[in-house]
Protein backbone atom coordinates (compact mmCIF):
# COMPACT_ATOMS: atom_id res chain seq x y z
CA MET A 1 89.56 2.89 -16.43
CA SER A 2 86.28 3.57 -16.92
CA ASP A 3 84.02 3.21 -13.42
CA MET A 4 82.60 -0.66 -14.39
CA SER A 5 79.42 -0.36 -12.38
CA LYS A 6 77.30 2.39 -14.00
CA PRO A 7 76.69 3.57 -17.89
CA SER A 8 79.53 5.97 -19.04
CA PHE A 9 78.32 7.41 -21.69
CA ASP A 10 76.15 11.10 -20.75
CA ALA A 11 73.14 11.31 -23.17
CA PRO A 12 70.35 8.89 -22.25
CA LEU A 13 70.58 5.50 -23.98
CA ILE A 14 67.64 3.96 -25.93
CA PRO A 15 67.28 0.05 -24.45
CA LEU A 16 69.26 -2.22 -26.86
CA VAL A 17 67.03 -5.33 -26.35
CA VAL A 18 65.35 -6.76 -28.62
CA ALA A 19 61.60 -8.46 -27.11
CA PHE A 20 60.64 -11.72 -28.35
CA GLU A 21 58.25 -14.68 -26.83
CA LYS A 22 60.74 -17.63 -27.79
CA PRO A 23 64.57 -17.91 -28.42
CA GLN A 24 65.79 -19.05 -31.51
CA GLU A 25 67.40 -22.36 -31.48
CA GLY A 26 71.08 -22.42 -30.42
CA MET A 27 70.60 -19.32 -28.21
CA SER A 28 72.05 -19.54 -24.47
CA LYS A 29 70.50 -17.77 -21.23
CA ILE A 30 72.71 -14.90 -20.14
CA GLY A 31 74.00 -17.31 -17.21
CA ASP A 32 74.81 -19.69 -19.28
CA VAL A 33 76.81 -17.22 -21.57
CA ALA A 34 78.46 -15.45 -18.06
CA ARG A 35 79.73 -19.02 -16.92
CA ARG A 36 81.36 -20.45 -20.48
CA LEU A 37 83.00 -16.75 -20.81
CA GLY A 38 84.13 -16.43 -16.86
CA ALA A 39 82.22 -13.53 -17.34
CA ALA A 40 79.44 -12.22 -13.96
CA VAL A 41 76.16 -10.92 -15.17
CA GLN A 42 76.60 -7.97 -15.07
CA THR A 43 79.29 -7.62 -16.74
CA ILE A 44 77.32 -8.73 -19.10
CA ARG A 45 73.98 -6.40 -18.07
CA LEU A 46 76.75 -3.85 -18.12
CA TYR A 47 78.03 -4.04 -21.99
CA GLU A 48 74.43 -3.45 -22.90
CA ALA A 49 73.58 -1.10 -20.54
CA GLU A 50 77.12 0.71 -22.48
CA GLY A 51 75.77 0.68 -25.77
CA LEU A 52 78.28 -2.16 -27.06
CA LEU A 53 75.98 -5.03 -27.08
CA ILE A 54 72.03 -5.71 -28.15
CA SER A 55 69.99 -8.41 -25.69
CA PHE A 56 67.08 -10.79 -27.03
CA LYS A 57 64.84 -10.08 -23.84
CA SER A 58 62.34 -12.93 -23.33
CA SER A 59 58.76 -11.86 -22.13
CA GLY A 60 59.78 -13.25 -18.72
CA GLY A 61 62.68 -10.99 -18.83
CA THR A 62 65.56 -13.70 -19.50
CA ARG A 63 68.06 -12.02 -21.82
CA TRP A 64 69.34 -14.44 -24.48
CA TYR A 65 72.28 -14.55 -26.67
CA SER A 66 73.39 -16.41 -30.21
CA GLU A 67 76.74 -17.28 -30.98
CA GLU A 68 77.45 -14.66 -32.84
CA ASP A 69 76.53 -12.53 -29.64
CA VAL A 70 78.81 -14.94 -27.66
CA LEU A 71 81.72 -13.99 -30.24
CA TRP A 72 81.25 -10.47 -29.75
CA ILE A 73 81.15 -10.25 -25.89
CA THR A 74 84.03 -11.66 -26.06
CA GLN A 75 85.96 -9.38 -28.42
CA ILE A 76 84.69 -6.87 -25.91
CA LYS A 77 85.75 -8.30 -23.12
CA ARG A 78 89.41 -8.41 -25.24
CA LEU A 79 89.08 -4.60 -26.10
CA ILE A 80 89.08 -3.87 -22.16
CA SER A 81 91.88 -6.45 -21.40
CA GLU A 82 94.10 -4.31 -23.85
CA GLY A 83 93.15 -0.82 -22.17
CA LEU A 84 90.03 0.26 -23.80
CA ASN A 85 87.33 1.39 -21.69
CA PHE A 86 83.66 1.68 -23.16
CA ALA A 87 84.07 5.48 -24.51
CA GLY A 88 86.70 4.42 -26.22
CA ILE A 89 84.95 1.05 -27.65
CA ARG A 90 81.88 3.16 -28.90
CA HIS A 91 84.42 5.79 -30.41
CA LEU A 92 86.14 2.81 -31.94
CA LEU A 93 82.84 1.26 -33.26
CA ALA A 94 81.32 5.10 -34.62
CA GLN A 95 85.18 5.66 -36.59
CA ILE A 96 83.51 2.20 -38.82
CA PRO A 97 81.40 4.60 -41.56
CA CYS A 98 77.95 2.63 -42.14
CA TRP A 99 77.92 3.14 -45.99
CA ALA A 100 81.07 0.92 -45.91
CA LEU A 101 78.98 -1.99 -44.39
CA ARG A 102 76.16 -1.22 -46.37
CA PRO A 103 74.36 0.12 -49.84
CA CYS A 104 74.00 4.27 -48.88
CA ARG A 105 72.06 6.12 -51.59
CA PRO A 106 73.69 9.75 -51.88
CA ASP A 107 71.28 11.41 -50.40
CA ASP A 108 71.20 9.47 -47.90
CA HIS A 109 74.65 10.09 -47.20
CA ALA A 110 74.71 13.50 -47.37
CA ARG A 111 72.54 14.41 -44.55
CA CYS A 112 73.47 11.34 -42.30
CA ASN A 113 74.51 12.56 -39.08
CA MET A 114 77.12 9.80 -38.61
CA ARG A 115 78.79 11.13 -41.08
CA PHE A 116 80.23 13.57 -38.17
CA GLU A 117 79.31 11.77 -34.85
CA THR A 118 82.41 10.02 -33.50
CA ARG A 119 81.65 9.25 -30.55
CA VAL A 120 79.20 6.89 -30.77
CA PRO A 121 77.84 3.94 -32.76
CA CYS A 122 74.34 4.63 -34.22
CA TRP A 123 72.49 2.25 -32.42
CA ILE A 124 73.11 3.86 -29.68
CA ALA A 125 71.11 6.54 -30.69
CA PRO A 126 69.22 5.80 -33.02
CA GLU A 127 66.39 8.16 -33.80
CA LYS A 128 69.62 11.12 -34.01
CA LEU A 129 71.92 9.04 -35.98
CA CYS A 130 70.09 6.36 -38.30
CA VAL A 131 68.56 7.33 -41.90
CA GLU A 132 66.66 3.94 -41.89
CA LYS A 133 64.76 4.97 -38.93
CA LEU A 134 64.87 1.11 -37.93
CA LYS A 135 62.69 0.03 -34.88
CA GLU A 136 65.29 -2.58 -33.70
CA CYS A 137 68.56 -1.84 -34.94
CA TYR A 138 69.81 -6.06 -33.57
CA HIS A 139 69.75 -7.70 -37.10
CA CYS A 140 70.95 -3.70 -39.16
CA THR A 141 73.56 -4.50 -41.51
CA THR A 142 75.53 -1.56 -39.05
CA TYR A 143 75.42 -3.53 -36.00
CA ARG A 144 76.11 -6.82 -37.08
CA ARG A 145 78.66 -6.57 -39.13
CA ALA A 146 80.51 -3.25 -37.39
CA ARG A 147 81.95 -6.21 -34.57
CA ASP A 148 84.34 -7.68 -37.37
CA PHE A 149 86.02 -4.32 -38.03
CA VAL A 150 86.98 -3.76 -34.38
CA ASP A 151 90.87 -4.04 -35.49
CA LEU A 152 90.84 -1.02 -36.73
CA LYS A 153 94.75 -1.54 -37.89
CA VAL A 154 93.74 -4.45 -40.34
CA HIS A 155 90.47 -2.32 -41.68
CA ALA A 156 92.34 1.43 -41.55
CA ASP A 157 91.59 1.09 -45.29
CA ILE A 158 88.18 1.87 -44.86
CA ILE A 159 88.44 4.80 -41.98
CA PRO A 160 88.19 8.72 -43.52
CA LYS A 161 91.09 10.44 -42.64
CA GLU A 162 88.54 13.76 -42.35
CA THR A 163 85.66 13.72 -39.44
CA GLY A 164 84.44 16.00 -42.28
CA ASP A 165 84.71 13.49 -45.25
CA ARG A 166 82.58 10.78 -43.68
């Protein structure tokens, strides 16, 4: 089991935070989410530090989450309770080909680094892995939909058989 006190990914992580002035309607503060899910605030921050979760952060420093984010945090907790560590969850997410989640032009696919990356999903190192070079990944189709595919047994048909064919 991974040491849950610090990030385990060996490359520097980008801050997975989207800054904003005012929370969107229906968003909850990190403390409220933690209480609701029976998790520590530090645990949710660690999910962010591990690259599993992108947070909204107000100018005052408060992290906010949508209902969709809360469902994703619940899935992360479930995966950990089933025995996966952070590296295992990142690996699982990296196996989902982004071109199965959003349109991809053939020339983008041909030069896409995600075809060969099997350890981390694209939003952990977008400057190296993302063809689109987005400013932030929170609204990217790949980040938003990848969480729908964490049960790979159900979605095995979209996972490439060989890493080189990705």
